[in-house]
Amino acid sequence: QVQLVESGGGLVRPEGSLRLSCAASGIIFSRNHMAWYRQAPGKQREFVARITVGGSSDYDDFVQGRFTISRDNAKNTIYLQMNSLKPEDTAVYYCNSSDVIFDKDNWGQGTQVTVAS
């Protein structure tokens, strides 16, 4: 059974920081590209950041330079370090895995991030 479990969300003031985690089980972690998406109220889910099986990363322009994605293959976990948070970053953040061989995606249940003073 595949499980992607996000944690680390919460309420933070503008310009603050949060670190999200996503622990994966039931997948061959080293064979999966991993990503973060987010969905704000009333909006579609959007791409935030991705890290490939080889460790390369890319980001949405809005978070480039503020967010950093990383992975720990020994712990089957990815992270999203979020700095200089803005109210516009408020959303539910979802973890995504994408198997490079079988082209199969999985999603976590999401973790709420709220940026407000």
Protein backbone atom coordinates (compact mmCIF):
# COMPACT_ATOMS: atom_id res chain seq x y z
CA GLN A 1 0.00 0.00 0.00
CA VAL A 2 1.44 3.33 -1.08
CA GLN A 3 1.49 6.09 1.48
CA LEU A 4 2.83 9.61 1.19
CA VAL A 5 2.51 11.39 4.52
CA GLU A 6 3.13 15.12 4.68
CA SER A 7 3.91 16.99 7.86
CA GLY A 8 5.30 20.32 9.01
CA GLY A 9 2.53 22.66 7.96
CA GLY A 10 1.11 25.34 10.19
CA LEU A 11 0.56 29.03 10.73
CA VAL A 12 3.51 31.34 10.16
CA ARG A 13 3.95 35.10 9.88
CA PRO A 14 5.00 36.73 6.60
CA GLU A 15 8.74 36.46 6.00
CA GLY A 16 8.82 33.41 8.26
CA SER A 17 9.99 29.89 7.45
CA LEU A 18 8.58 26.38 7.51
CA ARG A 19 9.98 23.01 6.60
CA LEU A 20 7.62 20.42 5.15
CA SER A 21 8.37 16.71 5.09
CA CYS A 22 6.89 13.88 3.08
CA ALA A 23 7.58 10.32 4.19
CA ALA A 24 6.97 7.67 1.53
CA SER A 25 6.23 3.99 1.92
CA GLY A 26 5.06 1.29 -0.44
CA ILE A 27 7.10 2.65 -3.36
CA ILE A 28 10.62 2.13 -4.58
CA PHE A 29 11.66 5.59 -3.49
CA SER A 30 14.88 5.75 -5.50
CA ARG A 31 12.87 5.09 -8.66
CA ASN A 32 10.51 7.98 -8.14
CA HIS A 33 10.73 11.60 -9.05
CA MET A 34 9.24 13.50 -6.12
CA ALA A 35 7.43 16.81 -6.13
CA TRP A 36 5.44 19.32 -4.14
CA TYR A 37 2.23 20.87 -5.39
CA ARG A 38 -0.13 23.24 -3.68
CA GLN A 39 -3.76 24.26 -3.90
CA ALA A 40 -5.11 27.53 -2.58
CA PRO A 41 -8.81 28.00 -1.85
CA GLY A 42 -10.77 28.41 -5.05
CA LYS A 43 -7.76 27.68 -7.25
CA GLN A 44 -6.42 24.71 -9.14
CA ARG A 45 -3.60 22.61 -7.82
CA GLU A 46 -0.28 23.98 -9.05
CA PHE A 47 3.30 22.82 -9.29
CA VAL A 48 5.73 24.08 -6.67
CA ALA A 49 8.98 22.09 -6.93
CA ARG A 50 10.35 18.78 -8.12
CA ILE A 51 13.41 16.69 -7.46
CA THR A 52 14.38 13.89 -9.80
CA VAL A 53 15.79 10.48 -9.00
CA GLY A 54 19.17 11.92 -9.87
CA GLY A 55 18.81 14.83 -7.48
CA SER A 56 18.15 17.59 -10.00
CA SER A 57 15.53 20.12 -8.96
CA ASP A 58 13.32 22.72 -10.54
CA TYR A 59 10.87 25.25 -9.17
CA ASP A 60 7.90 27.35 -10.05
CA ASP A 61 9.06 30.90 -10.78
CA PHE A 62 7.08 32.26 -7.82
CA VAL A 63 9.03 30.20 -5.28
CA GLN A 64 12.42 30.15 -7.00
CA GLY A 65 15.06 31.44 -4.60
CA ARG A 66 12.80 31.12 -1.55
CA PHE A 67 12.01 27.39 -1.45
CA THR A 68 14.40 24.45 -1.54
CA ILE A 69 13.42 20.86 -2.23
CA SER A 70 15.62 17.98 -1.10
CA ARG A 71 15.44 14.23 -0.73
CA ASP A 72 16.91 11.65 1.60
CA ASN A 73 16.82 8.28 -0.10
CA ALA A 74 17.93 6.50 3.08
CA LYS A 75 14.82 7.80 4.86
CA ASN A 76 12.43 7.67 1.89
CA THR A 77 11.63 11.30 2.63
CA ILE A 78 11.57 14.59 0.81
CA TYR A 79 11.60 18.05 2.28
CA LEU A 80 10.54 21.51 1.27
CA GLN A 81 12.34 24.32 3.06
CA MET A 82 10.24 27.44 2.65
CA ASN A 83 11.76 30.81 3.50
CA SER A 84 10.52 34.37 3.13
CA LEU A 85 6.95 33.13 3.11
CA LYS A 86 4.26 35.37 1.70
CA PRO A 87 0.50 35.39 2.28
CA GLU A 88 0.15 34.20 -1.32
CA ASP A 89 1.92 30.97 -0.31
CA THR A 90 -1.10 30.02 1.80
CA ALA A 91 -2.38 26.68 0.49
CA VAL A 92 -2.63 22.98 1.12
CA TYR A 93 0.70 21.46 0.10
CA TYR A 94 0.68 18.01 -1.46
CA CYS A 95 3.47 15.51 -1.96
CA ASN A 96 3.63 13.65 -5.27
CA SER A 97 5.62 10.65 -6.42
CA SER A 98 6.10 9.62 -10.02
CA ASP A 99 7.56 6.24 -10.88
CA VAL A 100 10.01 6.61 -13.76
CA ILE A 101 9.47 3.09 -15.06
CA PHE A 102 5.73 2.59 -14.72
CA ASP A 103 4.75 6.26 -15.04
CA LYS A 104 2.47 5.99 -12.05
CA ASP A 105 1.69 8.91 -9.77
CA ASN A 106 0.71 8.92 -6.12
CA TRP A 107 -0.44 11.74 -3.86
CA GLY A 108 -0.38 12.49 -0.17
CA GLN A 109 -3.30 13.87 1.80
CA GLY A 110 -1.83 17.36 2.08
CA THR A 111 -0.70 19.66 4.84
CA GLN A 112 -2.05 23.16 5.40
CA VAL A 113 0.29 26.13 5.29
CA THR A 114 -1.14 29.48 6.35
CA VAL A 115 0.90 32.67 6.10
CA ALA A 116 -0.73 35.51 8.01
CA SER A 117 0.07 38.17 10.52
